C-alpha atoms as a PDB file:
ATOM      1  CA  MET A   1      65.244  18.687  24.482  1.00  0.00           C
ATOM      2  CA  GLU A   2      65.866  21.020  27.389  1.00  0.00           C
ATOM      3  CA  GLY A   3      64.144  23.812  25.474  1.00  0.00           C
ATOM      4  CA  ILE A   4      61.028  21.677  25.006  1.00  0.00           C
ATOM      5  CA  MET A   5      60.957  20.753  28.688  1.00  0.00           C
ATOM      6  CA  ASN A   6      61.158  24.420  29.611  1.00  0.00           C
ATOM      7  CA  GLN A   7      58.130  25.158  27.439  1.00  0.00           C
ATOM      8  CA  LEU A   8      55.973  22.440  28.991  1.00  0.00           C
ATOM      9  CA  LYS A   9      54.048  23.200  32.170  1.00  0.00           C
ATOM     10  CA  PHE A  10      54.331  20.234  34.506  1.00  0.00           C
ATOM     11  CA  GLN A  11      51.972  20.131  37.495  1.00  0.00           C
ATOM     12  CA  GLU A  12      53.183  20.762  41.039  1.00  0.00           C
ATOM     13  CA  ASN A  13      53.781  17.029  41.396  1.00  0.00           C
ATOM     14  CA  GLY A  14      56.035  17.141  38.337  1.00  0.00           C
ATOM     15  CA  LEU A  15      53.548  15.369  36.063  1.00  0.00           C
ATOM     16  CA  ILE A  16      51.819  16.225  32.822  1.00  0.00           C
ATOM     17  CA  PRO A  17      48.767  14.362  31.409  1.00  0.00           C
ATOM     18  CA  ALA A  18      49.353  12.473  28.157  1.00  0.00           C
ATOM     19  CA  ILE A  19      46.494  11.497  25.848  1.00  0.00           C
ATOM     20  CA  ILE A  20      47.380   8.467  23.735  1.00  0.00           C
ATOM     21  CA  GLN A  21      45.709   8.335  20.324  1.00  0.00           C
ATOM     22  CA  GLU A  22      45.821   5.657  17.622  1.00  0.00           C
ATOM     23  CA  GLN A  23      47.572   7.209  14.638  1.00  0.00           C
ATOM     24  CA  THR A  24      45.461   5.875  11.785  1.00  0.00           C
ATOM     25  CA  THR A  25      41.960   5.774  13.294  1.00  0.00           C
ATOM     26  CA  GLY A  26      42.187   8.755  15.617  1.00  0.00           C
ATOM     27  CA  LYS A  27      40.736   6.624  18.416  1.00  0.00           C
ATOM     28  CA  VAL A  28      41.691   7.751  21.927  1.00  0.00           C
ATOM     29  CA  LEU A  29      43.340   4.763  23.603  1.00  0.00           C
ATOM     30  CA  MET A  30      44.199   5.918  27.107  1.00  0.00           C
ATOM     31  CA  LEU A  31      45.141   8.765  29.423  1.00  0.00           C
ATOM     32  CA  ALA A  32      48.256   8.513  31.556  1.00  0.00           C
ATOM     33  CA  TYR A  33      50.824  10.789  33.178  1.00  0.00           C
ATOM     34  CA  MET A  34      54.447  11.556  32.376  1.00  0.00           C
ATOM     35  CA  ASN A  35      57.240  13.282  34.209  1.00  0.00           C
ATOM     36  CA  GLU A  36      60.359  14.676  32.563  1.00  0.00           C
ATOM     37  CA  GLU A  37      62.212  11.368  32.821  1.00  0.00           C
ATOM     38  CA  SER A  38      59.434   9.279  31.274  1.00  0.00           C
ATOM     39  CA  LEU A  39      59.003  11.811  28.462  1.00  0.00           C
ATOM     40  CA  GLN A  40      62.728  11.689  27.846  1.00  0.00           C
ATOM     41  CA  LYS A  41      62.633   7.880  27.698  1.00  0.00           C
ATOM     42  CA  THR A  42      59.640   8.050  25.346  1.00  0.00           C
ATOM     43  CA  LEU A  43      61.586  10.281  22.978  1.00  0.00           C
ATOM     44  CA  GLU A  44      64.691   8.115  23.161  1.00  0.00           C
ATOM     45  CA  THR A  45      63.026   4.716  22.727  1.00  0.00           C
ATOM     46  CA  LYS A  46      60.072   5.767  20.522  1.00  0.00           C
ATOM     47  CA  GLU A  47      57.874   3.771  22.930  1.00  0.00           C
ATOM     48  CA  THR A  48      55.501   5.191  25.535  1.00  0.00           C
ATOM     49  CA  TRP A  49      56.812   5.497  29.079  1.00  0.00           C
ATOM     50  CA  PHE A  50      54.679   6.822  31.924  1.00  0.00           C
ATOM     51  CA  TYR A  51      54.885   7.601  35.618  1.00  0.00           C
ATOM     52  CA  SER A  52      52.696   5.543  37.927  1.00  0.00           C
ATOM     53  CA  ARG A  53      51.121   7.763  40.569  1.00  0.00           C
ATOM     54  CA  SER A  54      50.228   4.737  42.703  1.00  0.00           C
ATOM     55  CA  ARG A  55      53.543   2.867  42.486  1.00  0.00           C
ATOM     56  CA  LYS A  56      55.680   6.018  42.302  1.00  0.00           C
ATOM     57  CA  GLU A  57      57.801   4.652  39.485  1.00  0.00           C
ATOM     58  CA  LEU A  58      58.260   4.726  35.701  1.00  0.00           C
ATOM     59  CA  TRP A  59      56.599   2.093  33.566  1.00  0.00           C
ATOM     60  CA  ASN A  60      56.921   1.138  29.928  1.00  0.00           C
ATOM     61  CA  LYS A  61      53.603   0.368  28.231  1.00  0.00           C
ATOM     62  CA  GLY A  62      53.605  -3.256  27.074  1.00  0.00           C
ATOM     63  CA  ALA A  63      56.774  -4.268  28.930  1.00  0.00           C
ATOM     64  CA  THR A  64      54.836  -7.111  30.569  1.00  0.00           C
ATOM     65  CA  SER A  65      51.923  -7.719  28.194  1.00  0.00           C
ATOM     66  CA  GLY A  66      53.783  -7.119  24.942  1.00  0.00           C
ATOM     67  CA  ASN A  67      51.163  -4.542  23.944  1.00  0.00           C
ATOM     68  CA  LYS A  68      53.672  -1.809  23.245  1.00  0.00           C
ATOM     69  CA  GLN A  69      52.910   1.540  21.633  1.00  0.00           C
ATOM     70  CA  VAL A  70      55.244   2.783  18.909  1.00  0.00           C
ATOM     71  CA  VAL A  71      55.346   6.581  19.065  1.00  0.00           C
ATOM     72  CA  LYS A  72      54.773   8.369  15.761  1.00  0.00           C
ATOM     73  CA  GLN A  73      54.177  11.950  16.857  1.00  0.00           C
ATOM     74  CA  ILE A  74      54.053  14.038  20.034  1.00  0.00           C
ATOM     75  CA  GLN A  75      52.230  17.360  20.318  1.00  0.00           C
ATOM     76  CA  TYR A  76      51.325  19.656  23.187  1.00  0.00           C
ATOM     77  CA  ASP A  77      48.333  21.961  23.589  1.00  0.00           C
ATOM     78  CA  CYS A  78      48.104  25.762  23.490  1.00  0.00           C
ATOM     79  CA  ASP A  79      48.574  26.016  27.262  1.00  0.00           C
ATOM     80  CA  ALA A  80      51.551  23.632  27.128  1.00  0.00           C
ATOM     81  CA  ASP A  81      50.086  21.643  30.028  1.00  0.00           C
ATOM     82  CA  SER A  82      49.054  18.411  28.291  1.00  0.00           C
ATOM     83  CA  LEU A  83      50.473  16.086  25.645  1.00  0.00           C
ATOM     84  CA  LEU A  84      48.875  14.357  22.671  1.00  0.00           C
ATOM     85  CA  ILE A  85      50.818  11.285  21.577  1.00  0.00           C
ATOM     86  CA  HIS A  86      50.020   9.498  18.320  1.00  0.00           C
ATOM     87  CA  VAL A  87      51.008   5.841  18.402  1.00  0.00           C
ATOM     88  CA  GLU A  88      50.923   2.627  16.443  1.00  0.00           C
ATOM     89  CA  PRO A  89      49.624   0.128  19.013  1.00  0.00           C
ATOM     90  CA  GLN A  90      51.038  -3.395  19.068  1.00  0.00           C
ATOM     91  CA  GLY A  91      48.010  -4.694  20.951  1.00  0.00           C
ATOM     92  CA  PRO A  92      45.119  -3.584  23.195  1.00  0.00           C
ATOM     93  CA  ALA A  93      45.706  -0.435  25.241  1.00  0.00           C
ATOM     94  CA  CYS A  94      43.517  -1.480  28.177  1.00  0.00           C
ATOM     95  CA  HIS A  95      44.557  -4.035  30.803  1.00  0.00           C
ATOM     96  CA  THR A  96      41.099  -5.618  30.359  1.00  0.00           C
ATOM     97  CA  GLY A  97      41.999  -6.618  26.810  1.00  0.00           C
ATOM     98  CA  GLU A  98      39.842  -3.921  25.236  1.00  0.00           C
ATOM     99  CA  GLU A  99      41.331  -1.938  22.367  1.00  0.00           C
ATOM    100  CA  THR A 100      40.897   1.316  24.278  1.00  0.00           C
ATOM    101  CA  CYS A 101      40.524   2.187  27.953  1.00  0.00           C
ATOM    102  CA  PHE A 102      37.517   4.310  26.956  1.00  0.00           C
ATOM    103  CA  HIS A 103      35.148   1.436  26.203  1.00  0.00           C
ATOM    104  CA  TYR A 104      32.247   2.359  28.495  1.00  0.00           C
ATOM    105  CA  HIS A 105      29.416   4.461  27.073  1.00  0.00           C
ATOM    106  CA  ILE A 106      27.366   7.126  28.823  1.00  0.00           C
ATOM    107  CA  PHE A 107      25.828   8.920  25.872  1.00  0.00           C
ATOM    108  CA  GLY A 108      25.769   8.823  22.069  1.00  0.00           C
ATOM    109  CA  GLU A 109      26.328   6.218  19.401  1.00  0.00           C
ATOM    110  CA  GLU A 110      28.490   3.244  20.304  1.00  0.00           C
ATOM    111  CA  ILE A 111      30.019   3.016  16.822  1.00  0.00           C
ATOM    112  CA  SER A 112      32.500   5.823  16.231  1.00  0.00           C
ATOM    113  CA  GLN A 113      32.403   7.516  12.843  1.00  0.00           C
ATOM    114  CA  VAL A 114      36.141   8.147  13.193  1.00  0.00           C
ATOM    115  CA  SER A 115      36.999   4.448  12.960  1.00  0.00           C
ATOM    116  CA  ILE A 116      34.058   3.152  10.900  1.00  0.00           C
ATOM    117  CA  ILE A 117      36.265   2.296   7.905  1.00  0.00           C
ATOM    118  CA  GLU A 118      38.545   0.169  10.090  1.00  0.00           C
ATOM    119  CA  GLN A 119      35.505  -1.533  11.641  1.00  0.00           C
ATOM    120  CA  VAL A 120      34.076  -2.363   8.209  1.00  0.00           C
ATOM    121  CA  VAL A 121      37.487  -3.679   7.118  1.00  0.00           C
ATOM    122  CA  SER A 122      37.584  -5.866  10.243  1.00  0.00           C
ATOM    123  CA  THR A 123      34.199  -7.373   9.345  1.00  0.00           C
ATOM    124  CA  ILE A 124      35.304  -7.946   5.746  1.00  0.00           C
ATOM    125  CA  LYS A 125      38.404  -9.792   6.973  1.00  0.00           C
ATOM    126  CA  LYS A 126      36.260 -12.007   9.212  1.00  0.00           C
ATOM    127  CA  ARG A 127      33.924 -12.876   6.321  1.00  0.00           C
ATOM    128  CA  LYS A 128      36.926 -13.770   4.179  1.00  0.00           C
ATOM    129  CA  LYS A 129      38.409 -15.993   6.862  1.00  0.00           C
ATOM    130  CA  GLU A 130      35.158 -17.538   8.093  1.00  0.00           C
ATOM    131  CA  ALA A 131      32.598 -17.636   5.294  1.00  0.00           C
ATOM    132  CA  THR A 132      28.969 -17.185   6.341  1.00  0.00           C
ATOM    133  CA  LYS A 133      26.201 -18.728   4.245  1.00  0.00           C
ATOM    134  CA  ASN A 134      23.915 -15.698   4.073  1.00  0.00           C
ATOM    135  CA  SER A 135      26.689 -13.094   4.031  1.00  0.00           C
ATOM    136  CA  TYR A 136      26.915 -10.925   0.900  1.00  0.00           C
ATOM    137  CA  THR A 137      30.590 -10.300   1.654  1.00  0.00           C
ATOM    138  CA  SER A 138      31.312 -14.028   1.797  1.00  0.00           C
ATOM    139  CA  TYR A 139      29.432 -14.393  -1.505  1.00  0.00           C
ATOM    140  CA  LEU A 140      31.716 -11.812  -3.132  1.00  0.00           C
ATOM    141  CA  PHE A 141      34.815 -13.658  -1.944  1.00  0.00           C
ATOM    142  CA  ARG A 142      33.439 -16.923  -3.309  1.00  0.00           C
ATOM    143  CA  GLU A 143      32.742 -15.329  -6.703  1.00  0.00           C
ATOM    144  CA  GLY A 144      36.181 -13.780  -6.882  1.00  0.00           C
ATOM    145  CA  ILE A 145      37.804 -10.644  -8.189  1.00  0.00           C
ATOM    146  CA  ASP A 146      35.901 -10.466 -11.490  1.00  0.00           C
ATOM    147  CA  LYS A 147      32.593 -10.218  -9.638  1.00  0.00           C
ATOM    148  CA  VAL A 148      33.967  -7.576  -7.288  1.00  0.00           C
ATOM    149  CA  LEU A 149      35.374  -5.539 -10.192  1.00  0.00           C
ATOM    150  CA  LYS A 150      31.997  -5.693 -11.910  1.00  0.00           C
ATOM    151  CA  LYS A 151      30.307  -4.367  -8.757  1.00  0.00           C
ATOM    152  CA  VAL A 152      32.899  -1.581  -8.452  1.00  0.00           C
ATOM    153  CA  GLY A 153      32.093  -0.570 -12.041  1.00  0.00           C
ATOM    154  CA  GLU A 154      28.345  -0.678 -11.406  1.00  0.00           C
ATOM    155  CA  GLU A 155      28.550   1.331  -8.204  1.00  0.00           C
ATOM    156  CA  THR A 156      30.805   3.914  -9.872  1.00  0.00           C
ATOM    157  CA  SER A 157      28.133   4.399 -12.549  1.00  0.00           C
ATOM    158  CA  GLU A 158      25.481   4.771  -9.841  1.00  0.00           C
ATOM    159  CA  VAL A 159      27.546   7.483  -8.155  1.00  0.00           C
ATOM    160  CA  ILE A 160      27.790   9.341 -11.460  1.00  0.00           C
ATOM    161  CA  ILE A 161      24.022   9.083 -12.003  1.00  0.00           C
ATOM    162  CA  GLY A 162      23.242  10.285  -8.489  1.00  0.00           C
ATOM    163  CA  ALA A 163      25.569  13.255  -8.852  1.00  0.00           C
ATOM    164  CA  LYS A 164      24.241  14.043 -12.336  1.00  0.00           C
ATOM    165  CA  ASN A 165      20.723  14.105 -10.894  1.00  0.00           C
ATOM    166  CA  GLN A 166      22.024  16.428  -8.139  1.00  0.00           C
ATOM    167  CA  ASP A 167      20.448  14.078  -5.616  1.00  0.00           C
ATOM    168  CA  LYS A 168      22.585  14.409  -2.491  1.00  0.00           C
ATOM    169  CA  GLN A 169      21.084  11.485  -0.557  1.00  0.00           C
ATOM    170  CA  GLU A 170      21.295   9.137  -3.537  1.00  0.00           C
ATOM    171  CA  THR A 171      24.909  10.189  -4.079  1.00  0.00           C
ATOM    172  CA  ILE A 172      25.748   9.513  -0.420  1.00  0.00           C
ATOM    173  CA  TRP A 173      24.093   6.089  -0.642  1.00  0.00           C
ATOM    174  CA  GLU A 174      25.936   5.129  -3.808  1.00  0.00           C
ATOM    175  CA  ILE A 175      29.320   6.420  -2.584  1.00  0.00           C
ATOM    176  CA  ALA A 176      28.846   4.271   0.535  1.00  0.00           C
ATOM    177  CA  ASP A 177      28.135   1.252  -1.708  1.00  0.00           C
ATOM    178  CA  LEU A 178      31.193   2.025  -3.844  1.00  0.00           C
ATOM    179  CA  THR A 179      33.381   2.446  -0.754  1.00  0.00           C
ATOM    180  CA  TYR A 180      32.294  -0.926   0.617  1.00  0.00           C
ATOM    181  CA  HIS A 181      33.036  -2.743  -2.658  1.00  0.00           C
ATOM    182  CA  LEU A 182      36.393  -0.978  -2.948  1.00  0.00           C
ATOM    183  CA  LEU A 183      37.254  -2.201   0.562  1.00  0.00           C
ATOM    184  CA  VAL A 184      36.430  -5.771  -0.493  1.00  0.00           C
ATOM    185  CA  LEU A 185      38.627  -5.324  -3.560  1.00  0.00           C
ATOM    186  CA  MET A 186      41.403  -3.933  -1.378  1.00  0.00           C
ATOM    187  CA  GLU A 187      41.225  -7.024   0.846  1.00  0.00           C
ATOM    188  CA  ILE A 188      41.534  -9.268  -2.220  1.00  0.00           C
ATOM    189  CA  MET A 189      44.525  -7.234  -3.421  1.00  0.00           C
ATOM    190  CA  ASP A 190      46.079  -7.128   0.074  1.00  0.00           C
ATOM    191  CA  VAL A 191      45.822  -3.335   0.157  1.00  0.00           C
ATOM    192  CA  SER A 192      45.056  -1.749   3.544  1.00  0.00           C
ATOM    193  CA  PRO A 193      43.476   1.623   4.372  1.00  0.00           C
ATOM    194  CA  ASP A 194      46.871   2.553   5.839  1.00  0.00           C
ATOM    195  CA  ASP A 195      48.446   1.991   2.409  1.00  0.00           C
ATOM    196  CA  ILE A 196      46.009   4.492   0.889  1.00  0.00           C
ATOM    197  CA  LYS A 197      46.518   6.968   3.715  1.00  0.00           C
ATOM    198  CA  ARG A 198      50.277   6.795   3.310  1.00  0.00           C
ATOM    199  CA  GLU A 199      49.962   7.439  -0.416  1.00  0.00           C
ATOM    200  CA  LEU A 200      47.712  10.428   0.217  1.00  0.00           C
ATOM    201  CA  VAL A 201      50.151  11.789   2.794  1.00  0.00           C
ATOM    202  CA  LYS A 202      53.006  11.496   0.272  1.00  0.00           C
ATOM    203  CA  ARG A 203      50.995  13.336  -2.351  1.00  0.00           C
ATOM    204  CA  HIS A 204      49.906  16.032   0.082  1.00  0.00           C
ATOM    205  CA  LEU A 205      53.422  16.580   1.417  1.00  0.00           C
ATOM    206  CA  TYR A 206      54.865  16.621  -2.098  1.00  0.00           C
ATOM    207  CA  LYS A 207      52.422  19.315  -3.158  1.00  0.00           C
ATOM    208  CA  ALA A 208      53.033  21.319   0.012  1.00  0.00           C
ATOM    209  CA  VAL A 209      56.782  21.275  -0.547  1.00  0.00           C
ATOM    210  CA  LYS A 210      56.492  21.921  -4.267  1.00  0.00           C
END
């Protein structure tokens, strides 16, 4: 640990900025500051600890609200003067109740492509829990797994046709349709995107080691 601390470049005030990122979506949750003691506590407890510049004291994220952050990975940049911490959040990162502290927009699209799958999954879950009359997703849940499997088969065929025709836009359209129906099927089967990601990680790591 001492070797790592020696490599990091803390500012004159003894602090280093830490960017907190959601592990599965890649969404940036917050920016805070750490000193050596808070970084040490973060490593020991596997929870994020920071140094409050206003209160001049250490604080544990979620100690009061319960919205803790389970640390999965810590990296530092090429200049060794900032940290990137991947976490599994146990609740909103922002004190306002927002998922991320970066919820105000100045420019660009409001929907992030990075987390679009998770956002679609969230909508699918809502339609399953609270059926809407004119919702296609609610209709699929009412019809059941056989209907969803039929749609998965149909959309798979459409992807094959689009690719066979070497029509890029058609292929994109049909893959998007297939992805959506697979996400509905996953919800029925209680399979999450994280389950798929973990399986892909295992396969990738296995191949890398092999």
